[in-house]
Every structure is written in C-alpha cells, then in structure tokens.
Amino acid sequence: MLESCVSLRNFLVMQVTFSNRFSFVAQLTQGLFLTDNNRSPWGRVWQLFSRYTWELPQTLVGWLYSVGRALAGQVDRVDTLGGITFATKLGCGYSMGVSLGTFVDLWAGPWMLGEGEAYILGNPICMHEFGHTADSRLFGWFYLPVIGLSSLLSATGKGNHNVFWTEIRANRHARRYFSKYYSVAWNETGYPTQTTLA
C-alpha cells in the first residue's frame, strides 16, 4: 500500500512538472508575437516584421533553445518586457545569460528577486541581456557570427568579459532604454558603458 502511495505521489509530481514545462513552452511561443509597448504602433509592426525577416536566424535559434531548456526542466519562470521574453532557471549559485534574438535565457542566483517587471528592473543582468537584443535588431543576419560568436569567445576565454566590446555595447543599449522608459539609474560598476584605459 505504501509503495502505491509513493508511486502515485511521484506520478502526480511528474504530471505537475510536465504541465509546468508545457505551460512555459506556451509562454515562450507567445513571446514570438510580443512587441514593445513603448514603441509607436508602426514601430511595433516593424519590430514584428524585423523579427521574422532581418532577425530570423537568432529568433529561431533563440526560441528553439529556450523551448529545449523548458522541456528539459531548466526553466522555472518566464517573464516578458519590451517585447523580449526571459526564460529563467532559479536557484543557481551564479548568474549569467544568453541573448538570442528576442529570447533571453538566464541562470539566476538566489539574490535575484522580484516578479515580472520588478524582477527584470531589479536585476542588472536582465537589463544587460535585454541590451543585446538591440544589437540583434541592428546586426540582423550578422548578429550570430559577429556579436554572438565574439561574445561567446570572450566569455569562455581569458580576460574581463564585462569590458569586452560586445558587452559594452549591450550595456549602452540597456542604459539608454531603461533610463528613458523606466528611470533606472545604471550600475556602471558592474555593467560599464565604456572601457577605461589604464
């Protein structure tokens, strides 16, 4: 009898887990059609048009990567802001992110708190990764080989990744956007917007 209760409990937990995973996949798929409410109506139309033409490679790779993480149980929450979709794994001992098109995949440390907009605005790494999405719009089909590959090589190599040119660009885009629309005071110490020559 005890064995069947344990099996039933495990089955129910597994069902909830699969239900959550498919819920996250649905939210990520909705993210394909979200636009920035801070843009004009034509700006929002242009954002969608760009996503499916000029930004198509990173949009598809970003969606597939985020969905794959969700199905593998590596996403604990999905948030959106400014037409960008954030897929986050909570409880990591570190924080890091990857931006692919309009999808930001995050691994969040326990200090990253908040819900929805407050979560994104309260965690500089979220805003930094949002900044990379501006380069996705600017570089289009060249984003993955120019920005993505360069940033990946910097992150996995030696030296201070935070002052690498791709990261400085992302910080500048993020500072401009979040200062303008959300009055965020930018954290220059952790997320510099210019390199300093010693």
N, C-alpha and C. Protein backbone atom coordinates (compact mmCIF):
# COMPACT_ATOMS: atom_id res chain seq x y z
N MET A 1 0.83 -1.19 0.00
CA MET A 1 0.00 0.00 0.00
C MET A 1 0.87 1.26 0.00
N LEU A 2 1.89 1.26 0.87
CA LEU A 2 2.79 2.39 0.94
C LEU A 2 3.49 2.62 -0.40
N GLU A 3 3.90 1.52 -1.04
CA GLU A 3 4.55 1.62 -2.34
C GLU A 3 3.65 2.28 -3.38
N SER A 4 2.38 1.93 -3.40
CA SER A 4 1.47 2.51 -4.38
C SER A 4 1.24 3.99 -4.10
N CYS A 5 1.25 4.40 -2.81
CA CYS A 5 1.10 5.82 -2.47
C CYS A 5 2.31 6.61 -2.97
N VAL A 6 3.49 6.06 -2.77
CA VAL A 6 4.72 6.72 -3.24
C VAL A 6 4.69 6.83 -4.76
N SER A 7 4.28 5.76 -5.43
CA SER A 7 4.21 5.77 -6.89
C SER A 7 3.20 6.80 -7.37
N LEU A 8 2.04 6.86 -6.71
CA LEU A 8 1.02 7.84 -7.08
C LEU A 8 1.54 9.26 -6.87
N ARG A 9 2.21 9.48 -5.73
CA ARG A 9 2.77 10.81 -5.45
C ARG A 9 3.78 11.19 -6.52
N ASN A 10 4.69 10.28 -6.86
CA ASN A 10 5.70 10.54 -7.90
C ASN A 10 5.03 10.82 -9.24
N PHE A 11 3.97 10.07 -9.55
CA PHE A 11 3.25 10.27 -10.80
C PHE A 11 2.62 11.66 -10.83
N LEU A 12 2.00 12.08 -9.72
CA LEU A 12 1.36 13.40 -9.67
C LEU A 12 2.39 14.51 -9.76
N VAL A 13 3.52 14.35 -9.08
CA VAL A 13 4.59 15.35 -9.17
C VAL A 13 5.09 15.45 -10.60
N MET A 14 5.26 14.30 -11.25
CA MET A 14 5.71 14.28 -12.64
C MET A 14 4.69 14.97 -13.54
N GLN A 15 3.40 14.76 -13.30
CA GLN A 15 2.37 15.40 -14.11
C GLN A 15 2.41 16.91 -13.96
N VAL A 16 2.57 17.38 -12.72
CA VAL A 16 2.66 18.82 -12.48
C VAL A 16 3.90 19.38 -13.19
N THR A 17 5.01 18.66 -13.08
CA THR A 17 6.24 19.11 -13.73
C THR A 17 6.06 19.21 -15.24
N PHE A 18 5.48 18.18 -15.86
CA PHE A 18 5.25 18.23 -17.31
C PHE A 18 4.26 19.33 -17.67
N SER A 19 3.26 19.53 -16.82
CA SER A 19 2.29 20.59 -17.05
C SER A 19 2.98 21.95 -17.04
N ASN A 20 3.87 22.16 -16.06
CA ASN A 20 4.63 23.41 -15.99
C ASN A 20 5.50 23.59 -17.23
N ARG A 21 6.14 22.53 -17.64
CA ARG A 21 7.03 22.61 -18.81
C ARG A 21 6.25 23.03 -20.05
N PHE A 22 5.10 22.45 -20.26
CA PHE A 22 4.31 22.81 -21.44
C PHE A 22 3.71 24.20 -21.31
N SER A 23 3.42 24.62 -20.08
CA SER A 23 2.97 25.99 -19.84
C SER A 23 4.07 26.98 -20.22
N PHE A 24 5.32 26.67 -19.84
CA PHE A 24 6.45 27.52 -20.21
C PHE A 24 6.65 27.55 -21.72
N VAL A 25 6.50 26.41 -22.37
CA VAL A 25 6.63 26.37 -23.84
C VAL A 25 5.57 27.27 -24.48
N ALA A 26 4.35 27.23 -23.96
CA ALA A 26 3.28 28.08 -24.49
C ALA A 26 3.63 29.56 -24.30
N GLN A 27 4.15 29.91 -23.13
CA GLN A 27 4.54 31.30 -22.87
C GLN A 27 5.68 31.73 -23.78
N LEU A 28 6.64 30.84 -24.01
CA LEU A 28 7.75 31.16 -24.90
C LEU A 28 7.27 31.35 -26.33
N THR A 29 6.31 30.53 -26.74
CA THR A 29 5.76 30.65 -28.09
C THR A 29 4.99 31.97 -28.23
N GLN A 30 4.28 32.38 -27.21
CA GLN A 30 3.61 33.68 -27.23
C GLN A 30 4.64 34.80 -27.41
N GLY A 31 5.83 34.59 -26.85
CA GLY A 31 6.89 35.58 -26.97
C GLY A 31 7.29 35.88 -28.40
N LEU A 32 7.02 34.96 -29.30
CA LEU A 32 7.31 35.21 -30.71
C LEU A 32 6.49 36.37 -31.28
N PHE A 33 5.39 36.70 -30.61
CA PHE A 33 4.45 37.69 -31.15
C PHE A 33 4.33 38.93 -30.27
N LEU A 34 5.13 39.03 -29.22
CA LEU A 34 5.08 40.20 -28.34
C LEU A 34 5.86 41.36 -28.94
N THR A 35 5.40 42.55 -28.67
CA THR A 35 6.11 43.75 -29.12
C THR A 35 6.26 44.71 -27.93
N ASP A 36 7.06 45.73 -28.12
CA ASP A 36 7.36 46.70 -27.08
C ASP A 36 6.26 47.75 -27.01
N ASN A 37 5.57 47.83 -25.87
CA ASN A 37 4.51 48.81 -25.68
C ASN A 37 5.03 50.24 -25.68
N ASN A 38 6.33 50.44 -25.53
CA ASN A 38 6.91 51.78 -25.57
C ASN A 38 7.11 52.29 -26.99
N ARG A 39 6.87 51.44 -27.96
CA ARG A 39 7.01 51.85 -29.36
C ARG A 39 5.67 52.35 -29.91
N SER A 40 5.76 53.09 -30.99
CA SER A 40 4.55 53.54 -31.68
C SER A 40 3.89 52.33 -32.35
N PRO A 41 2.64 52.44 -32.76
CA PRO A 41 2.00 51.30 -33.45
C PRO A 41 2.81 50.82 -34.66
N TRP A 42 3.33 51.76 -35.46
CA TRP A 42 4.13 51.35 -36.62
C TRP A 42 5.47 50.76 -36.19
N GLY A 43 6.00 51.28 -35.08
CA GLY A 43 7.24 50.72 -34.54
C GLY A 43 7.06 49.28 -34.09
N ARG A 44 5.88 48.98 -33.56
CA ARG A 44 5.59 47.62 -33.13
C ARG A 44 5.41 46.69 -34.33
N VAL A 45 4.79 47.20 -35.39
CA VAL A 45 4.66 46.41 -36.61
C VAL A 45 6.05 46.13 -37.19
N TRP A 46 6.89 47.16 -37.20
CA TRP A 46 8.25 47.00 -37.71
C TRP A 46 9.04 45.99 -36.88
N GLN A 47 8.84 46.01 -35.55
CA GLN A 47 9.52 45.07 -34.67
C GLN A 47 9.16 43.63 -35.05
N LEU A 48 7.90 43.35 -35.28
CA LEU A 48 7.49 42.00 -35.70
C LEU A 48 8.04 41.65 -37.07
N PHE A 49 7.95 42.59 -38.01
CA PHE A 49 8.46 42.34 -39.36
C PHE A 49 9.95 42.02 -39.31
N SER A 50 10.71 42.80 -38.54
CA SER A 50 12.15 42.58 -38.41
C SER A 50 12.44 41.21 -37.78
N ARG A 51 11.65 40.84 -36.80
CA ARG A 51 11.85 39.57 -36.10
C ARG A 51 11.77 38.39 -37.06
N TYR A 52 10.90 38.46 -38.05
CA TYR A 52 10.69 37.33 -38.97
C TYR A 52 11.40 37.48 -40.31
N THR A 53 12.20 38.52 -40.45
CA THR A 53 13.00 38.69 -41.68
C THR A 53 14.46 38.91 -41.30
N TRP A 54 14.80 40.13 -40.92
CA TRP A 54 16.16 40.55 -40.63
C TRP A 54 16.76 39.78 -39.45
N GLU A 55 15.95 39.46 -38.41
CA GLU A 55 16.43 38.76 -37.21
C GLU A 55 16.05 37.28 -37.19
N LEU A 56 15.61 36.75 -38.30
CA LEU A 56 15.08 35.39 -38.33
C LEU A 56 16.04 34.32 -37.78
N PRO A 57 17.33 34.31 -38.12
CA PRO A 57 18.18 33.23 -37.61
C PRO A 57 18.22 33.18 -36.08
N GLN A 58 18.48 34.32 -35.45
CA GLN A 58 18.57 34.31 -33.98
C GLN A 58 17.19 34.18 -33.32
N THR A 59 16.14 34.60 -34.00
CA THR A 59 14.78 34.39 -33.46
C THR A 59 14.50 32.90 -33.37
N LEU A 60 14.78 32.17 -34.45
CA LEU A 60 14.52 30.72 -34.45
C LEU A 60 15.43 29.98 -33.48
N VAL A 61 16.71 30.30 -33.49
CA VAL A 61 17.66 29.64 -32.58
C VAL A 61 17.28 29.97 -31.13
N GLY A 62 16.94 31.22 -30.86
CA GLY A 62 16.56 31.62 -29.51
C GLY A 62 15.32 30.90 -29.01
N TRP A 63 14.30 30.83 -29.86
CA TRP A 63 13.07 30.14 -29.47
C TRP A 63 13.33 28.65 -29.25
N LEU A 64 14.04 28.01 -30.17
CA LEU A 64 14.34 26.59 -30.03
C LEU A 64 15.17 26.30 -28.78
N TYR A 65 16.14 27.14 -28.50
CA TYR A 65 16.99 26.96 -27.32
C TYR A 65 16.16 27.11 -26.04
N SER A 66 15.33 28.15 -25.97
CA SER A 66 14.51 28.38 -24.78
C SER A 66 13.49 27.25 -24.59
N VAL A 67 12.86 26.82 -25.67
CA VAL A 67 11.89 25.73 -25.58
C VAL A 67 12.59 24.43 -25.16
N GLY A 68 13.76 24.18 -25.70
CA GLY A 68 14.52 23.00 -25.32
C GLY A 68 14.85 23.00 -23.83
N ARG A 69 15.26 24.15 -23.33
CA ARG A 69 15.53 24.26 -21.88
C ARG A 69 14.27 24.02 -21.07
N ALA A 70 13.15 24.59 -21.53
CA ALA A 70 11.88 24.41 -20.80
C ALA A 70 11.48 22.94 -20.76
N LEU A 71 11.58 22.27 -21.88
CA LEU A 71 11.20 20.85 -21.93
C LEU A 71 12.14 19.98 -21.09
N ALA A 72 13.38 20.41 -20.95
CA ALA A 72 14.36 19.67 -20.14
C ALA A 72 14.26 20.02 -18.66
N GLY A 73 13.31 20.87 -18.29
CA GLY A 73 13.13 21.25 -16.90
C GLY A 73 14.12 22.29 -16.42
N GLN A 74 14.74 23.03 -17.35
CA GLN A 74 15.74 24.03 -17.00
C GLN A 74 15.19 25.45 -17.01
N VAL A 75 13.86 25.59 -16.97
CA VAL A 75 13.22 26.90 -16.88
C VAL A 75 12.23 26.83 -15.72
N ASP A 76 12.35 27.80 -14.81
CA ASP A 76 11.46 27.87 -13.65
C ASP A 76 10.46 29.02 -13.73
N ARG A 77 10.71 29.95 -14.65
CA ARG A 77 9.79 31.08 -14.82
C ARG A 77 10.03 31.72 -16.18
N VAL A 78 8.98 32.35 -16.70
CA VAL A 78 9.06 33.09 -17.95
C VAL A 78 8.49 34.48 -17.68
N ASP A 79 9.26 35.51 -18.04
CA ASP A 79 8.83 36.91 -17.88
C ASP A 79 8.98 37.61 -19.22
N THR A 80 8.26 38.69 -19.39
CA THR A 80 8.38 39.47 -20.62
C THR A 80 8.45 40.96 -20.29
N LEU A 81 9.16 41.68 -21.11
CA LEU A 81 9.24 43.13 -21.00
C LEU A 81 9.73 43.67 -22.34
N GLY A 82 9.07 44.69 -22.84
CA GLY A 82 9.53 45.35 -24.06
C GLY A 82 9.58 44.45 -25.28
N GLY A 83 8.69 43.44 -25.34
CA GLY A 83 8.69 42.52 -26.46
C GLY A 83 9.76 41.46 -26.38
N ILE A 84 10.47 41.39 -25.26
CA ILE A 84 11.53 40.42 -25.05
C ILE A 84 11.06 39.39 -24.03
N THR A 85 11.39 38.12 -24.27
CA THR A 85 10.96 37.03 -23.40
C THR A 85 12.16 36.48 -22.64
N PHE A 86 12.03 36.39 -21.32
CA PHE A 86 13.09 35.92 -20.44
C PHE A 86 12.72 34.55 -19.89
N ALA A 87 13.57 33.55 -20.12
CA ALA A 87 13.39 32.20 -19.58
C ALA A 87 14.46 31.98 -18.52
N THR A 88 14.05 31.79 -17.26
CA THR A 88 14.99 31.78 -16.15
C THR A 88 15.00 30.47 -15.39
N LYS A 89 16.19 29.99 -15.10
CA LYS A 89 16.41 28.87 -14.19
C LYS A 89 16.81 29.49 -12.85
N LEU A 90 16.03 29.22 -11.81
CA LEU A 90 16.27 29.81 -10.49
C LEU A 90 17.19 28.96 -9.64
N GLY A 91 17.75 29.58 -8.60
CA GLY A 91 18.50 28.85 -7.59
C GLY A 91 19.90 28.44 -7.98
N CYS A 92 20.47 29.08 -8.98
CA CYS A 92 21.85 28.77 -9.37
C CYS A 92 22.80 29.48 -8.41
N GLY A 93 23.99 29.01 -8.31
CA GLY A 93 24.99 29.66 -7.47
C GLY A 93 25.70 30.79 -8.19
N TYR A 94 25.22 31.18 -9.33
CA TYR A 94 25.84 32.21 -10.17
C TYR A 94 24.71 32.85 -10.98
N SER A 95 25.03 33.91 -11.69
CA SER A 95 24.05 34.46 -12.62
C SER A 95 24.76 34.71 -13.95
N MET A 96 24.07 34.31 -15.01
CA MET A 96 24.60 34.52 -16.36
C MET A 96 23.43 34.48 -17.33
N GLY A 97 23.67 34.95 -18.54
CA GLY A 97 22.60 34.97 -19.52
C GLY A 97 23.11 34.81 -20.93
N VAL A 98 22.18 34.44 -21.80
CA VAL A 98 22.44 34.31 -23.23
C VAL A 98 21.27 34.97 -23.96
N SER A 99 21.58 35.85 -24.89
CA SER A 99 20.54 36.53 -25.67
C SER A 99 20.59 36.06 -27.11
N LEU A 100 19.48 35.53 -27.57
CA LEU A 100 19.36 35.07 -28.96
C LEU A 100 18.07 35.65 -29.53
N GLY A 101 18.21 36.68 -30.36
CA GLY A 101 17.03 37.33 -30.91
C GLY A 101 16.25 38.01 -29.81
N THR A 102 14.97 37.69 -29.71
CA THR A 102 14.13 38.30 -28.68
C THR A 102 13.96 37.39 -27.47
N PHE A 103 14.83 36.40 -27.34
CA PHE A 103 14.79 35.48 -26.20
C PHE A 103 16.05 35.62 -25.37
N VAL A 104 15.85 35.77 -24.06
CA VAL A 104 16.95 35.86 -23.12
C VAL A 104 16.85 34.67 -22.19
N ASP A 105 17.89 33.86 -22.14
CA ASP A 105 17.94 32.73 -21.23
C ASP A 105 18.86 33.08 -20.08
N LEU A 106 18.33 32.94 -18.86
CA LEU A 106 19.06 33.34 -17.66
C LEU A 106 19.22 32.17 -16.70
N TRP A 107 20.33 32.18 -15.99
CA TRP A 107 20.58 31.31 -14.87
C TRP A 107 20.73 32.26 -13.69
N ALA A 108 19.78 32.21 -12.75
CA ALA A 108 19.68 33.24 -11.71
C ALA A 108 20.20 32.77 -10.37
N GLY A 109 21.02 33.63 -9.76
CA GLY A 109 21.47 33.39 -8.40
C GLY A 109 20.34 33.63 -7.42
N PRO A 110 20.47 33.12 -6.20
CA PRO A 110 19.41 33.25 -5.20
C PRO A 110 19.12 34.70 -4.80
N TRP A 111 20.02 35.62 -5.09
CA TRP A 111 19.83 37.03 -4.76
C TRP A 111 18.93 37.74 -5.78
N MET A 112 18.62 37.09 -6.88
CA MET A 112 17.79 37.71 -7.92
C MET A 112 16.32 37.51 -7.56
N LEU A 113 15.70 38.58 -7.07
CA LEU A 113 14.34 38.52 -6.56
C LEU A 113 13.40 39.38 -7.41
N GLY A 114 12.11 39.26 -7.14
CA GLY A 114 11.11 40.09 -7.79
C GLY A 114 10.20 39.27 -8.69
N GLU A 115 9.14 39.91 -9.12
CA GLU A 115 8.17 39.29 -10.02
C GLU A 115 7.96 40.18 -11.24
N GLY A 116 7.86 39.58 -12.40
CA GLY A 116 7.53 40.31 -13.63
C GLY A 116 8.50 41.45 -13.91
N GLU A 117 7.93 42.64 -14.13
CA GLU A 117 8.73 43.82 -14.46
C GLU A 117 9.74 44.14 -13.35
N ALA A 118 9.33 43.99 -12.08
CA ALA A 118 10.22 44.28 -10.96
C ALA A 118 11.44 43.34 -10.97
N TYR A 119 11.24 42.10 -11.40
CA TYR A 119 12.35 41.15 -11.49
C TYR A 119 13.37 41.63 -12.51
N ILE A 120 12.91 42.05 -13.67
CA ILE A 120 13.81 42.49 -14.73
C ILE A 120 14.50 43.80 -14.36
N LEU A 121 13.72 44.76 -13.84
CA LEU A 121 14.29 46.06 -13.49
C LEU A 121 15.19 45.99 -12.25
N GLY A 122 15.00 45.00 -11.41
CA GLY A 122 15.78 44.88 -10.19
C GLY A 122 17.05 44.06 -10.33
N ASN A 123 17.27 43.50 -11.51
CA ASN A 123 18.44 42.66 -11.72
C ASN A 123 19.20 43.13 -12.96
N PRO A 124 20.34 43.80 -12.76
CA PRO A 124 21.07 44.38 -13.88
C PRO A 124 21.40 43.39 -15.01
N ILE A 125 21.62 42.11 -14.67
CA ILE A 125 21.95 41.17 -15.74
C ILE A 125 20.78 41.02 -16.72
N CYS A 126 19.55 41.12 -16.22
CA CYS A 126 18.38 41.05 -17.09
C CYS A 126 18.40 42.23 -18.08
N MET A 127 18.69 43.41 -17.54
CA MET A 127 18.72 44.60 -18.39
C MET A 127 19.89 44.53 -19.37
N HIS A 128 21.04 44.04 -18.90
CA HIS A 128 22.20 43.88 -19.78
C HIS A 128 21.86 42.96 -20.96
N GLU A 129 21.28 41.80 -20.65
CA GLU A 129 20.92 40.86 -21.73
C GLU A 129 19.88 41.47 -22.66
N PHE A 130 18.97 42.25 -22.12
CA PHE A 130 18.00 42.99 -22.95
C PHE A 130 18.76 43.87 -23.94
N GLY A 131 19.86 44.47 -23.49
CA GLY A 131 20.66 45.33 -24.36
C GLY A 131 21.20 44.60 -25.57
N HIS A 132 21.52 43.32 -25.42
CA HIS A 132 22.00 42.53 -26.56
C HIS A 132 20.91 42.42 -27.64
N THR A 133 19.65 42.44 -27.23
CA THR A 133 18.57 42.30 -28.22
C THR A 133 18.53 43.50 -29.17
N ALA A 134 19.02 44.65 -28.72
CA ALA A 134 19.10 45.82 -29.62
C ALA A 134 20.10 45.54 -30.73
N ASP A 135 21.21 44.88 -30.38
CA ASP A 135 22.18 44.52 -31.42
C ASP A 135 21.62 43.48 -32.37
N SER A 136 20.73 42.64 -31.88
CA SER A 136 20.07 41.68 -32.77
C SER A 136 19.30 42.43 -33.86
N ARG A 137 18.61 43.49 -33.47
CA ARG A 137 17.86 44.30 -34.45
C ARG A 137 18.80 45.04 -35.39
N LEU A 138 19.93 45.51 -34.86
CA LEU A 138 20.85 46.28 -35.70
C LEU A 138 21.66 45.41 -36.65
N PHE A 139 22.14 44.28 -36.18
CA PHE A 139 23.03 43.42 -36.97
C PHE A 139 22.29 42.39 -37.81
N GLY A 140 21.04 42.09 -37.46
CA GLY A 140 20.25 41.16 -38.24
C GLY A 140 20.93 39.83 -38.46
N TRP A 141 21.02 39.41 -39.70
CA TRP A 141 21.60 38.10 -40.05
C TRP A 141 23.07 37.99 -39.63
N PHE A 142 23.71 39.11 -39.35
CA PHE A 142 25.12 39.10 -38.95
C PHE A 142 25.29 39.03 -37.43
N TYR A 143 24.18 39.05 -36.68
CA TYR A 143 24.25 39.05 -35.21
C TYR A 143 24.97 37.82 -34.67
N LEU A 144 24.58 36.64 -35.10
CA LEU A 144 25.18 35.41 -34.56
C LEU A 144 26.68 35.33 -34.83
N PRO A 145 27.14 35.56 -36.08
CA PRO A 145 28.59 35.46 -36.29
C PRO A 145 29.39 36.64 -35.72
N VAL A 146 28.82 37.84 -35.71
CA VAL A 146 29.59 39.00 -35.26
C VAL A 146 29.47 39.20 -33.75
N ILE A 147 28.26 39.35 -33.25
CA ILE A 147 28.06 39.62 -31.82
C ILE A 147 28.07 38.32 -31.01
N GLY A 148 27.25 37.36 -31.41
CA GLY A 148 27.11 36.12 -30.65
C GLY A 148 28.41 35.35 -30.49
N LEU A 149 29.09 35.10 -31.59
CA LEU A 149 30.34 34.33 -31.54
C LEU A 149 31.43 35.10 -30.79
N SER A 150 31.53 36.40 -31.06
CA SER A 150 32.54 37.21 -30.36
C SER A 150 32.31 37.20 -28.85
N SER A 151 31.06 37.37 -28.44
CA SER A 151 30.73 37.37 -27.02
C SER A 151 30.99 36.01 -26.38
N LEU A 152 30.63 34.94 -27.07
CA LEU A 152 30.87 33.59 -26.57
C LEU A 152 32.37 33.33 -26.38
N LEU A 153 33.17 33.71 -27.36
CA LEU A 153 34.62 33.51 -27.26
C LEU A 153 35.21 34.32 -26.11
N SER A 154 34.69 35.53 -25.92
CA SER A 154 35.15 36.36 -24.80
C SER A 154 34.77 35.75 -23.46
N ALA A 155 33.53 35.27 -23.36
CA ALA A 155 33.04 34.70 -22.09
C ALA A 155 33.80 33.43 -21.72
N THR A 156 34.24 32.66 -22.69
CA THR A 156 34.92 31.40 -22.40
C THR A 156 36.44 31.54 -22.40
N GLY A 157 36.92 32.73 -22.74
CA GLY A 157 38.36 32.95 -22.80
C GLY A 157 38.90 33.63 -21.56
N LYS A 158 40.09 34.14 -21.70
CA LYS A 158 40.74 34.84 -20.60
C LYS A 158 40.40 36.33 -20.70
N GLY A 159 40.57 37.02 -19.62
CA GLY A 159 40.30 38.45 -19.60
C GLY A 159 38.95 38.77 -18.99
N ASN A 160 38.70 40.06 -18.86
CA ASN A 160 37.47 40.53 -18.23
C ASN A 160 36.37 40.66 -19.28
N HIS A 161 35.46 39.71 -19.29
CA HIS A 161 34.36 39.68 -20.26
C HIS A 161 33.47 40.93 -20.15
N ASN A 162 33.36 41.49 -18.94
CA ASN A 162 32.47 42.64 -18.73
C ASN A 162 32.89 43.89 -19.50
N VAL A 163 34.16 43.98 -19.89
CA VAL A 163 34.61 45.16 -20.63
C VAL A 163 34.90 44.83 -22.11
N PHE A 164 34.48 43.66 -22.55
CA PHE A 164 34.62 43.30 -23.95
C PHE A 164 33.66 44.16 -24.77
N TRP A 165 33.99 44.48 -26.00
CA TRP A 165 33.22 45.44 -26.79
C TRP A 165 31.75 45.06 -26.97
N THR A 166 31.44 43.76 -27.10
CA THR A 166 30.03 43.35 -27.26
C THR A 166 29.24 43.64 -25.98
N GLU A 167 29.89 43.50 -24.84
CA GLU A 167 29.22 43.73 -23.55
C GLU A 167 29.03 45.21 -23.28
N ILE A 168 30.02 46.01 -23.66
CA ILE A 168 29.90 47.47 -23.53
C ILE A 168 28.74 47.96 -24.39
N ARG A 169 28.63 47.44 -25.61
CA ARG A 169 27.51 47.82 -26.50
C ARG A 169 26.17 47.47 -25.85
N ALA A 170 26.06 46.25 -25.32
CA ALA A 170 24.81 45.82 -24.69
C ALA A 170 24.47 46.73 -23.51
N ASN A 171 25.47 47.08 -22.71
CA ASN A 171 25.23 47.97 -21.57
C ASN A 171 24.76 49.34 -22.02
N ARG A 172 25.35 49.85 -23.09
CA ARG A 172 24.92 51.17 -23.60
C ARG A 172 23.47 51.13 -24.08
N HIS A 173 23.13 50.09 -24.83
CA HIS A 173 21.74 49.96 -25.30
C HIS A 173 20.79 49.85 -24.12
N ALA A 174 21.15 49.03 -23.14
CA ALA A 174 20.28 48.83 -21.97
C ALA A 174 20.15 50.11 -21.17
N ARG A 175 21.26 50.78 -20.92
CA ARG A 175 21.20 52.04 -20.15
C ARG A 175 20.29 53.05 -20.84
N ARG A 176 20.44 53.20 -22.15
CA ARG A 176 19.62 54.15 -22.90
C ARG A 176 18.14 53.81 -22.77
N TYR A 177 17.79 52.55 -22.98
CA TYR A 177 16.39 52.12 -22.95
C TYR A 177 15.79 52.24 -21.54
N PHE A 178 16.46 51.67 -20.55
CA PHE A 178 15.88 51.62 -19.21
C PHE A 178 15.92 52.98 -18.50
N SER A 179 16.86 53.84 -18.86
CA SER A 179 16.86 55.20 -18.32
C SER A 179 15.69 55.99 -18.89
N LYS A 180 15.46 55.82 -20.18
CA LYS A 180 14.40 56.57 -20.86
C LYS A 180 13.00 56.13 -20.42
N TYR A 181 12.75 54.84 -20.38
CA TYR A 181 11.38 54.36 -20.15
C TYR A 181 11.08 53.97 -18.71
N TYR A 182 12.11 53.69 -17.91
CA TYR A 182 11.86 53.22 -16.54
C TYR A 182 12.66 53.99 -15.48
N SER A 183 13.35 55.06 -15.88
CA SER A 183 14.13 55.90 -14.96
C SER A 183 15.09 55.10 -14.10
N VAL A 184 15.73 54.10 -14.68
CA VAL A 184 16.69 53.27 -13.97
C VAL A 184 18.03 53.99 -13.90
N ALA A 185 18.61 54.04 -12.70
CA ALA A 185 19.97 54.56 -12.53
C ALA A 185 20.92 53.41 -12.85
N TRP A 186 21.70 53.56 -13.90
CA TRP A 186 22.52 52.46 -14.40
C TRP A 186 23.69 52.15 -13.47
N ASN A 187 24.02 50.88 -13.32
CA ASN A 187 25.12 50.40 -12.49
C ASN A 187 26.39 50.33 -13.33
N GLU A 188 27.16 51.41 -13.33
CA GLU A 188 28.39 51.48 -14.14
C GLU A 188 29.49 50.56 -13.60
N THR A 189 29.44 50.26 -12.32
CA THR A 189 30.49 49.43 -11.73
C THR A 189 30.42 48.00 -12.26
N GLY A 190 29.26 47.39 -12.21
CA GLY A 190 29.12 46.01 -12.66
C GLY A 190 28.87 45.87 -14.15
N TYR A 191 28.32 46.94 -14.75
CA TYR A 191 27.93 46.88 -16.17
C TYR A 191 28.39 48.18 -16.85
N PRO A 192 29.70 48.31 -17.09
CA PRO A 192 30.23 49.58 -17.62
C PRO A 192 29.76 49.86 -19.05
N THR A 193 29.62 51.13 -19.35
CA THR A 193 29.21 51.55 -20.69
C THR A 193 30.38 52.12 -21.49
N GLN A 194 31.55 52.11 -20.90
CA GLN A 194 32.75 52.49 -21.64
C GLN A 194 33.96 51.80 -21.05
N THR A 195 34.96 51.61 -21.88
CA THR A 195 36.19 51.00 -21.39
C THR A 195 37.06 52.10 -20.80
N THR A 196 37.82 51.75 -19.81
CA THR A 196 38.76 52.69 -19.22
C THR A 196 40.16 52.24 -19.56
N LEU A 197 40.92 53.14 -20.10
CA LEU A 197 42.30 52.84 -20.45
C LEU A 197 43.19 53.15 -19.27
N ALA A 198 43.94 52.17 -18.83
CA ALA A 198 44.80 52.36 -17.65
C ALA A 198 46.14 52.90 -18.06
